[in-house]
Amino acid sequence: MLLTDLDGVLPIEVVSFPSPWSRELYEAELKRSMARYFSALEGGRVVGYMGYWEVPGEAHVITLAVASPFRRRGVARSLIEHCMGYAARKGARLATLEVREGNAAGRALYEKAGFRTVAIRRKYYQDNQEDAVVMIRELPPPAGD
């Protein structure tokens, strides 16, 4: 993801999350040395994005969203596979994330992508005190390892 992608990212953010991030927050995130953000483009237009933090041996998923007209077209799955492949090549052996308990579509997507539920974080989300489902996925070592 580039700073120039934010004009396409922010409208998706606003309709995808109850507490959307601001441009300033994204700008700060893109400067973090541990942050890895990717945009999915179609015809030069941002149609989805995903970000994770690199921590030793782990990729912690921070965000994933797809524009409404492009949902159920494989964009999210492609972003997950791209990010997890990239993370594995950089040394991650595990991916982790939290997803809202009420986000059935998101949970199903992550399960199809190989994540499994390992815990519940009670009242995790500050905006409505919703629980978070903690999910993990093992990442294979890069080919040749």
C-alpha atoms as a PDB file:
ATOM      1  CA  MET A   1       0.000   0.000   0.000  1.00  0.00           C
ATOM      2  CA  LEU A   2       1.238   3.449  -0.906  1.00  0.00           C
ATOM      3  CA  LEU A   3       0.219   6.779   0.589  1.00  0.00           C
ATOM      4  CA  THR A   4      -1.457   7.502  -2.751  1.00  0.00           C
ATOM      5  CA  ASP A   5      -3.707   4.455  -2.203  1.00  0.00           C
ATOM      6  CA  LEU A   6      -5.334   6.072   0.836  1.00  0.00           C
ATOM      7  CA  ASP A   7      -7.854   7.973  -1.302  1.00  0.00           C
ATOM      8  CA  GLY A   8      -9.198   4.552  -2.311  1.00  0.00           C
ATOM      9  CA  VAL A   9      -8.696   2.855   1.048  1.00  0.00           C
ATOM     10  CA  LEU A  10     -10.558   5.359   3.233  1.00  0.00           C
ATOM     11  CA  PRO A  11     -14.000   5.075   1.562  1.00  0.00           C
ATOM     12  CA  ILE A  12     -13.784   1.273   1.943  1.00  0.00           C
ATOM     13  CA  GLU A  13     -12.695   1.705   5.574  1.00  0.00           C
ATOM     14  CA  VAL A  14     -15.680   3.912   6.417  1.00  0.00           C
ATOM     15  CA  VAL A  15     -18.276   1.421   5.182  1.00  0.00           C
ATOM     16  CA  SER A  16     -16.451  -1.665   6.482  1.00  0.00           C
ATOM     17  CA  PHE A  17     -15.778  -0.880  10.148  1.00  0.00           C
ATOM     18  CA  PRO A  18     -17.796   0.549  13.042  1.00  0.00           C
ATOM     19  CA  SER A  19     -14.733   2.578  14.153  1.00  0.00           C
ATOM     20  CA  PRO A  20     -12.921   3.449  10.914  1.00  0.00           C
ATOM     21  CA  TRP A  21      -9.330   4.605  10.928  1.00  0.00           C
ATOM     22  CA  SER A  22      -8.448   8.136   9.868  1.00  0.00           C
ATOM     23  CA  ARG A  23      -6.039   9.133   7.113  1.00  0.00           C
ATOM     24  CA  GLU A  24      -3.595  10.224   9.818  1.00  0.00           C
ATOM     25  CA  LEU A  25      -3.694   6.827  11.488  1.00  0.00           C
ATOM     26  CA  TYR A  26      -3.007   5.080   8.176  1.00  0.00           C
ATOM     27  CA  GLU A  27      -0.189   7.494   7.409  1.00  0.00           C
ATOM     28  CA  ALA A  28       1.381   6.678  10.773  1.00  0.00           C
ATOM     29  CA  GLU A  29       0.900   2.945  10.230  1.00  0.00           C
ATOM     30  CA  LEU A  30       2.570   3.041   6.827  1.00  0.00           C
ATOM     31  CA  LYS A  31       5.652   4.561   8.483  1.00  0.00           C
ATOM     32  CA  ARG A  32       5.968   1.792  11.103  1.00  0.00           C
ATOM     33  CA  SER A  33       8.926  -0.469  10.402  1.00  0.00           C
ATOM     34  CA  MET A  34       6.937  -3.530  11.503  1.00  0.00           C
ATOM     35  CA  ALA A  35       3.840  -2.741   9.400  1.00  0.00           C
ATOM     36  CA  ARG A  36       3.122  -4.395   6.059  1.00  0.00           C
ATOM     37  CA  TYR A  37       0.092  -3.161   4.117  1.00  0.00           C
ATOM     38  CA  PHE A  38      -1.048  -4.284   0.668  1.00  0.00           C
ATOM     39  CA  SER A  39      -3.676  -2.934  -1.713  1.00  0.00           C
ATOM     40  CA  ALA A  40      -5.668  -4.940  -4.244  1.00  0.00           C
ATOM     41  CA  LEU A  41      -6.178  -2.952  -7.432  1.00  0.00           C
ATOM     42  CA  GLU A  42      -8.512  -3.370 -10.367  1.00  0.00           C
ATOM     43  CA  GLY A  43      -8.106  -0.974 -13.247  1.00  0.00           C
ATOM     44  CA  GLY A  44      -5.850   1.179 -11.077  1.00  0.00           C
ATOM     45  CA  ARG A  45      -8.571   1.509  -8.420  1.00  0.00           C
ATOM     46  CA  VAL A  46      -8.208   0.198  -4.841  1.00  0.00           C
ATOM     47  CA  VAL A  47     -10.800  -2.541  -4.326  1.00  0.00           C
ATOM     48  CA  GLY A  48      -9.410  -4.014  -1.119  1.00  0.00           C
ATOM     49  CA  TYR A  49      -6.525  -3.946   1.313  1.00  0.00           C
ATOM     50  CA  MET A  50      -4.898  -5.913   4.088  1.00  0.00           C
ATOM     51  CA  GLY A  51      -2.303  -5.128   6.698  1.00  0.00           C
ATOM     52  CA  TYR A  52      -0.321  -7.004   9.287  1.00  0.00           C
ATOM     53  CA  TRP A  53       2.499  -6.388  11.724  1.00  0.00           C
ATOM     54  CA  GLU A  54       5.707  -8.388  11.503  1.00  0.00           C
ATOM     55  CA  VAL A  55       6.816  -9.554  14.901  1.00  0.00           C
ATOM     56  CA  PRO A  56       9.501 -12.218  15.360  1.00  0.00           C
ATOM     57  CA  GLY A  57       8.172 -15.427  13.846  1.00  0.00           C
ATOM     58  CA  GLU A  58       4.634 -14.063  13.510  1.00  0.00           C
ATOM     59  CA  ALA A  59       2.354 -12.041  11.262  1.00  0.00           C
ATOM     60  CA  HIS A  60      -0.373 -10.330  13.288  1.00  0.00           C
ATOM     61  CA  VAL A  61      -3.231  -9.337  10.978  1.00  0.00           C
ATOM     62  CA  ILE A  62      -4.367  -5.775  11.665  1.00  0.00           C
ATOM     63  CA  THR A  63      -6.994  -5.162   8.988  1.00  0.00           C
ATOM     64  CA  LEU A  64      -8.678  -6.594   5.905  1.00  0.00           C
ATOM     65  CA  ALA A  65     -11.462  -5.006   3.880  1.00  0.00           C
ATOM     66  CA  VAL A  66     -12.904  -5.199   0.382  1.00  0.00           C
ATOM     67  CA  ALA A  67     -15.156  -2.703  -1.392  1.00  0.00           C
ATOM     68  CA  SER A  68     -18.777  -3.891  -1.414  1.00  0.00           C
ATOM     69  CA  PRO A  69     -19.056  -4.410  -5.218  1.00  0.00           C
ATOM     70  CA  PHE A  70     -15.956  -6.636  -5.136  1.00  0.00           C
ATOM     71  CA  ARG A  71     -16.924  -8.890  -2.234  1.00  0.00           C
ATOM     72  CA  ARG A  72     -17.397 -12.605  -2.876  1.00  0.00           C
ATOM     73  CA  ARG A  73     -15.099 -12.364  -5.899  1.00  0.00           C
ATOM     74  CA  GLY A  74     -11.953 -13.762  -4.289  1.00  0.00           C
ATOM     75  CA  VAL A  75     -10.305 -10.428  -3.497  1.00  0.00           C
ATOM     76  CA  ALA A  76     -10.080 -11.035   0.257  1.00  0.00           C
ATOM     77  CA  ARG A  77      -8.849 -14.595  -0.227  1.00  0.00           C
ATOM     78  CA  SER A  78      -6.176 -13.373  -2.661  1.00  0.00           C
ATOM     79  CA  LEU A  79      -5.064 -10.704  -0.202  1.00  0.00           C
ATOM     80  CA  ILE A  80      -4.828 -13.255   2.612  1.00  0.00           C
ATOM     81  CA  GLU A  81      -2.805 -15.689   0.521  1.00  0.00           C
ATOM     82  CA  HIS A  82      -0.514 -12.953  -0.777  1.00  0.00           C
ATOM     83  CA  CYS A  83       0.114 -11.523   2.694  1.00  0.00           C
ATOM     84  CA  MET A  84       0.605 -14.904   4.339  1.00  0.00           C
ATOM     85  CA  GLY A  85       3.005 -15.974   1.581  1.00  0.00           C
ATOM     86  CA  TYR A  86       4.947 -12.741   1.955  1.00  0.00           C
ATOM     87  CA  ALA A  87       5.038 -13.113   5.735  1.00  0.00           C
ATOM     88  CA  ALA A  88       6.253 -16.715   5.457  1.00  0.00           C
ATOM     89  CA  ARG A  89       9.053 -15.658   3.103  1.00  0.00           C
ATOM     90  CA  LYS A  90      10.055 -13.026   5.682  1.00  0.00           C
ATOM     91  CA  GLY A  91      10.279 -15.683   8.416  1.00  0.00           C
ATOM     92  CA  ALA A  92       6.823 -15.791   9.991  1.00  0.00           C
ATOM     93  CA  ARG A  93       5.707 -19.270  11.024  1.00  0.00           C
ATOM     94  CA  LEU A  94       2.397 -18.245  12.577  1.00  0.00           C
ATOM     95  CA  ALA A  95      -0.348 -15.773  11.700  1.00  0.00           C
ATOM     96  CA  THR A  96      -2.703 -14.393  14.335  1.00  0.00           C
ATOM     97  CA  LEU A  97      -5.730 -12.112  14.306  1.00  0.00           C
ATOM     98  CA  GLU A  98      -8.782 -10.951  16.205  1.00  0.00           C
ATOM     99  CA  VAL A  99     -12.176 -10.737  14.540  1.00  0.00           C
ATOM    100  CA  ARG A 100     -15.450  -9.517  16.003  1.00  0.00           C
ATOM    101  CA  GLU A 101     -17.522 -12.382  17.341  1.00  0.00           C
ATOM    102  CA  GLY A 102     -20.552 -11.071  15.418  1.00  0.00           C
ATOM    103  CA  ASN A 103     -18.665 -10.932  12.098  1.00  0.00           C
ATOM    104  CA  ALA A 104     -19.822 -14.314  10.803  1.00  0.00           C
ATOM    105  CA  ALA A 105     -18.706 -13.601   7.228  1.00  0.00           C
ATOM    106  CA  GLY A 106     -15.226 -12.604   8.351  1.00  0.00           C
ATOM    107  CA  ARG A 107     -14.876 -15.612  10.604  1.00  0.00           C
ATOM    108  CA  ALA A 108     -15.974 -17.934   7.786  1.00  0.00           C
ATOM    109  CA  LEU A 109     -13.494 -16.314   5.404  1.00  0.00           C
ATOM    110  CA  TYR A 110     -10.634 -16.785   7.831  1.00  0.00           C
ATOM    111  CA  GLU A 111     -11.637 -20.386   8.522  1.00  0.00           C
ATOM    112  CA  LYS A 112     -11.640 -21.121   4.777  1.00  0.00           C
ATOM    113  CA  ALA A 113      -8.172 -19.559   4.635  1.00  0.00           C
ATOM    114  CA  GLY A 114      -6.870 -22.023   7.229  1.00  0.00           C
ATOM    115  CA  PHE A 115      -7.266 -20.047  10.453  1.00  0.00           C
ATOM    116  CA  ARG A 116      -8.703 -21.722  13.532  1.00  0.00           C
ATOM    117  CA  THR A 117     -10.222 -20.295  16.690  1.00  0.00           C
ATOM    118  CA  VAL A 118      -8.032 -20.559  19.774  1.00  0.00           C
ATOM    119  CA  ALA A 119      -9.526 -18.082  22.260  1.00  0.00           C
ATOM    120  CA  ILE A 120     -12.113 -15.420  22.982  1.00  0.00           C
ATOM    121  CA  ARG A 121     -11.117 -11.978  24.263  1.00  0.00           C
ATOM    122  CA  ARG A 122     -14.032 -10.690  26.286  1.00  0.00           C
ATOM    123  CA  LYS A 123     -15.162  -7.102  25.691  1.00  0.00           C
ATOM    124  CA  TYR A 124     -12.193  -6.510  23.389  1.00  0.00           C
ATOM    125  CA  TYR A 125     -13.728  -3.867  21.132  1.00  0.00           C
ATOM    126  CA  GLN A 126     -14.041  -0.528  22.888  1.00  0.00           C
ATOM    127  CA  ASP A 127     -16.794   0.866  20.659  1.00  0.00           C
ATOM    128  CA  ASN A 128     -19.403  -1.685  21.768  1.00  0.00           C
ATOM    129  CA  GLN A 129     -17.656  -4.079  24.183  1.00  0.00           C
ATOM    130  CA  GLU A 130     -18.033  -6.935  21.677  1.00  0.00           C
ATOM    131  CA  ASP A 131     -15.902 -10.025  22.200  1.00  0.00           C
ATOM    132  CA  ALA A 132     -13.062 -10.834  19.819  1.00  0.00           C
ATOM    133  CA  VAL A 133     -12.415 -14.286  18.436  1.00  0.00           C
ATOM    134  CA  VAL A 134      -8.677 -15.001  18.366  1.00  0.00           C
ATOM    135  CA  MET A 135      -7.630 -17.093  15.377  1.00  0.00           C
ATOM    136  CA  ILE A 136      -4.287 -18.539  14.295  1.00  0.00           C
ATOM    137  CA  ARG A 137      -2.843 -20.197  11.233  1.00  0.00           C
ATOM    138  CA  GLU A 138       0.478 -21.947  10.911  1.00  0.00           C
ATOM    139  CA  LEU A 139       2.574 -20.763   7.974  1.00  0.00           C
ATOM    140  CA  PRO A 140       4.772 -23.176   6.066  1.00  0.00           C
ATOM    141  CA  PRO A 141       8.472 -22.522   5.745  1.00  0.00           C
ATOM    142  CA  PRO A 142       9.469 -21.094   2.363  1.00  0.00           C
ATOM    143  CA  ALA A 143      10.282 -23.639  -0.336  1.00  0.00           C
ATOM    144  CA  GLY A 144      13.818 -24.897   0.056  1.00  0.00           C
ATOM    145  CA  ASP A 145      13.902 -24.583   3.843  1.00  0.00           C
END
